[in-house]
Amino acid sequence: MARKPKSVIDIDKEIEALKAQRIASLEARADHIGKIAAKADLTTLEITDAELLKEFQAIAHRFRRKTDASDTPKA
């Protein structure tokens, strides 16, 4: 028995639902990271947003490098 293909409207609804889930997931992750930053006492530092962003970007870069290195096939 063949399945009826989804309509474009149904696909669009699924896409919107997934976008909402993605936003909720990103917000939850941001809250979690914020709590970790507070535990690390970052909230008491006198640091500009630009400086803090630069440091967070450096951390992200360092962890992406580790992930990229582990994804590289070994000969």
N, C-alpha and C. Protein backbone atom coordinates (compact mmCIF):
# COMPACT_ATOMS: atom_id res chain seq x y z
N MET A 1 0.86 -1.18 0.00
CA MET A 1 0.00 0.00 0.00
C MET A 1 0.90 1.24 0.00
N ALA A 2 0.73 2.08 -1.00
CA ALA A 2 1.54 3.29 -1.14
C ALA A 2 1.05 4.36 -0.17
N ARG A 3 2.02 5.09 0.36
CA ARG A 3 1.67 6.19 1.26
C ARG A 3 1.35 7.42 0.44
N LYS A 4 0.41 8.16 0.92
CA LYS A 4 0.02 9.41 0.28
C LYS A 4 1.12 10.44 0.55
N PRO A 5 1.63 11.10 -0.48
CA PRO A 5 2.68 12.12 -0.24
C PRO A 5 2.13 13.28 0.58
N LYS A 6 3.02 13.87 1.36
CA LYS A 6 2.62 15.01 2.18
C LYS A 6 2.35 16.21 1.29
N SER A 7 1.39 17.00 1.72
CA SER A 7 1.11 18.23 0.99
C SER A 7 2.14 19.30 1.37
N VAL A 8 2.26 20.30 0.53
CA VAL A 8 3.18 21.40 0.81
C VAL A 8 2.77 22.10 2.09
N ILE A 9 1.50 22.22 2.33
CA ILE A 9 1.00 22.86 3.56
C ILE A 9 1.46 22.07 4.79
N ASP A 10 1.35 20.74 4.72
CA ASP A 10 1.79 19.90 5.84
C ASP A 10 3.29 20.04 6.07
N ILE A 11 4.05 20.07 5.00
CA ILE A 11 5.50 20.22 5.10
C ILE A 11 5.84 21.58 5.71
N ASP A 12 5.16 22.62 5.26
CA ASP A 12 5.39 23.96 5.82
C ASP A 12 5.08 24.00 7.32
N LYS A 13 4.03 23.31 7.74
CA LYS A 13 3.68 23.25 9.16
C LYS A 13 4.78 22.55 9.95
N GLU A 14 5.30 21.47 9.39
CA GLU A 14 6.39 20.75 10.06
C GLU A 14 7.64 21.63 10.17
N ILE A 15 7.94 22.36 9.11
CA ILE A 15 9.10 23.26 9.11
C ILE A 15 8.93 24.32 10.20
N GLU A 16 7.76 24.92 10.30
CA GLU A 16 7.51 25.94 11.33
C GLU A 16 7.64 25.35 12.73
N ALA A 17 7.13 24.13 12.91
CA ALA A 17 7.23 23.47 14.22
C ALA A 17 8.69 23.20 14.56
N LEU A 18 9.47 22.76 13.58
CA LEU A 18 10.89 22.51 13.82
C LEU A 18 11.64 23.80 14.11
N LYS A 19 11.29 24.89 13.43
CA LYS A 19 11.92 26.18 13.71
C LYS A 19 11.64 26.61 15.15
N ALA A 20 10.41 26.41 15.60
CA ALA A 20 10.05 26.77 16.98
C ALA A 20 10.82 25.90 17.97
N GLN A 21 10.97 24.61 17.67
CA GLN A 21 11.75 23.72 18.54
C GLN A 21 13.20 24.15 18.58
N ARG A 22 13.73 24.56 17.43
CA ARG A 22 15.14 25.00 17.36
C ARG A 22 15.35 26.24 18.22
N ILE A 23 14.44 27.20 18.11
CA ILE A 23 14.54 28.43 18.91
C ILE A 23 14.49 28.10 20.40
N ALA A 24 13.55 27.24 20.78
CA ALA A 24 13.42 26.86 22.19
C ALA A 24 14.69 26.16 22.68
N SER A 25 15.25 25.30 21.84
CA SER A 25 16.47 24.58 22.21
C SER A 25 17.65 25.54 22.38
N LEU A 26 17.78 26.49 21.45
CA LEU A 26 18.86 27.47 21.55
C LEU A 26 18.72 28.36 22.78
N GLU A 27 17.48 28.75 23.09
CA GLU A 27 17.24 29.57 24.28
C GLU A 27 17.57 28.79 25.56
N ALA A 28 17.19 27.52 25.59
CA ALA A 28 17.49 26.70 26.77
C ALA A 28 19.00 26.54 26.93
N ARG A 29 19.70 26.34 25.82
CA ARG A 29 21.16 26.19 25.87
C ARG A 29 21.80 27.49 26.32
N ALA A 30 21.31 28.62 25.83
CA ALA A 30 21.85 29.92 26.24
C ALA A 30 21.65 30.15 27.73
N ASP A 31 20.48 29.79 28.24
CA ASP A 31 20.22 29.91 29.68
C ASP A 31 21.19 29.04 30.47
N HIS A 32 21.41 27.83 29.98
CA HIS A 32 22.32 26.90 30.65
C HIS A 32 23.75 27.46 30.68
N ILE A 33 24.20 27.99 29.55
CA ILE A 33 25.54 28.57 29.48
C ILE A 33 25.64 29.79 30.39
N GLY A 34 24.59 30.58 30.44
CA GLY A 34 24.56 31.74 31.33
C GLY A 34 24.70 31.34 32.80
N LYS A 35 24.04 30.25 33.17
CA LYS A 35 24.14 29.77 34.55
C LYS A 35 25.56 29.30 34.86
N ILE A 36 26.19 28.65 33.90
CA ILE A 36 27.57 28.20 34.09
C ILE A 36 28.49 29.42 34.22
N ALA A 37 28.26 30.43 33.39
CA ALA A 37 29.07 31.66 33.47
C ALA A 37 28.91 32.31 34.85
N ALA A 38 27.70 32.31 35.38
CA ALA A 38 27.47 32.88 36.71
C ALA A 38 28.19 32.06 37.78
N LYS A 39 28.16 30.74 37.65
CA LYS A 39 28.87 29.89 38.61
C LYS A 39 30.38 30.14 38.56
N ALA A 40 30.87 30.49 37.37
CA ALA A 40 32.30 30.79 37.22
C ALA A 40 32.62 32.21 37.68
N ASP A 41 31.61 32.91 38.17
CA ASP A 41 31.76 34.26 38.72
C ASP A 41 32.04 35.32 37.65
N LEU A 42 31.64 35.04 36.42
CA LEU A 42 31.84 36.02 35.35
C LEU A 42 30.95 37.25 35.53
N THR A 43 29.88 37.11 36.27
CA THR A 43 28.94 38.22 36.42
C THR A 43 29.51 39.36 37.26
N THR A 44 30.58 39.10 38.00
CA THR A 44 31.17 40.14 38.84
C THR A 44 32.33 40.86 38.17
N LEU A 45 32.70 40.42 36.97
CA LEU A 45 33.84 41.04 36.28
C LEU A 45 33.44 42.33 35.60
N GLU A 46 34.34 43.28 35.60
CA GLU A 46 34.15 44.53 34.86
C GLU A 46 34.76 44.31 33.47
N ILE A 47 33.95 43.82 32.56
CA ILE A 47 34.42 43.49 31.22
C ILE A 47 33.35 43.92 30.21
N THR A 48 33.79 44.45 29.10
CA THR A 48 32.82 44.91 28.09
C THR A 48 32.22 43.71 27.36
N ASP A 49 31.09 43.95 26.75
CA ASP A 49 30.46 42.89 25.95
C ASP A 49 31.39 42.44 24.83
N ALA A 50 32.09 43.39 24.23
CA ALA A 50 33.00 43.06 23.13
C ALA A 50 34.13 42.15 23.61
N GLU A 51 34.68 42.45 24.78
CA GLU A 51 35.75 41.62 25.34
C GLU A 51 35.23 40.22 25.68
N LEU A 52 34.06 40.18 26.29
CA LEU A 52 33.48 38.90 26.66
C LEU A 52 33.16 38.06 25.42
N LEU A 53 32.60 38.70 24.42
CA LEU A 53 32.30 38.02 23.17
C LEU A 53 33.57 37.45 22.55
N LYS A 54 34.64 38.23 22.55
CA LYS A 54 35.91 37.77 21.99
C LYS A 54 36.39 36.52 22.72
N GLU A 55 36.28 36.50 24.03
CA GLU A 55 36.70 35.34 24.80
C GLU A 55 35.82 34.12 24.54
N PHE A 56 34.51 34.34 24.46
CA PHE A 56 33.61 33.23 24.14
C PHE A 56 33.90 32.67 22.75
N GLN A 57 34.20 33.56 21.79
CA GLN A 57 34.55 33.11 20.45
C GLN A 57 35.84 32.28 20.46
N ALA A 58 36.79 32.68 21.29
CA ALA A 58 38.04 31.92 21.40
C ALA A 58 37.77 30.53 21.97
N ILE A 59 36.89 30.46 22.96
CA ILE A 59 36.53 29.15 23.53
C ILE A 59 35.85 28.28 22.47
N ALA A 60 34.91 28.86 21.74
CA ALA A 60 34.21 28.12 20.69
C ALA A 60 35.20 27.62 19.64
N HIS A 61 36.13 28.48 19.25
CA HIS A 61 37.13 28.11 18.25
C HIS A 61 37.98 26.94 18.76
N ARG A 62 38.40 27.00 20.01
CA ARG A 62 39.23 25.95 20.59
C ARG A 62 38.49 24.60 20.59
N PHE A 63 37.22 24.60 20.95
CA PHE A 63 36.47 23.35 20.98
C PHE A 63 36.12 22.86 19.58
N ARG A 64 35.88 23.78 18.65
CA ARG A 64 35.62 23.35 17.27
C ARG A 64 36.86 22.71 16.66
N ARG A 65 38.03 23.25 16.99
CA ARG A 65 39.28 22.67 16.50
C ARG A 65 39.44 21.25 17.00
N LYS A 66 39.11 21.02 18.27
CA LYS A 66 39.19 19.67 18.83
C LYS A 66 38.23 18.74 18.11
N THR A 67 37.02 19.21 17.86
CA THR A 67 36.02 18.39 17.17
C THR A 67 36.46 18.11 15.74
N ASP A 68 36.96 19.14 15.05
CA ASP A 68 37.41 18.96 13.68
C ASP A 68 38.57 17.97 13.61
N ALA A 69 39.46 18.03 14.57
CA ALA A 69 40.62 17.13 14.59
C ALA A 69 40.17 15.68 14.80
N SER A 70 39.15 15.48 15.61
CA SER A 70 38.68 14.11 15.86
C SER A 70 37.86 13.59 14.69
N ASP A 71 37.32 14.47 13.86
CA ASP A 71 36.55 14.07 12.69
C ASP A 71 37.43 13.72 11.50
N THR A 72 38.69 14.15 11.53
CA THR A 72 39.61 13.93 10.42
C THR A 72 40.00 12.46 10.37
N PRO A 73 39.81 11.82 9.20
CA PRO A 73 40.21 10.41 9.10
C PRO A 73 41.71 10.25 9.22
N LYS A 74 42.11 9.19 9.89
CA LYS A 74 43.54 8.92 10.06
C LYS A 74 43.97 7.94 9.00
N ALA A 75 45.13 8.22 8.38
CA ALA A 75 45.62 7.36 7.30
C ALA A 75 46.39 6.18 7.83
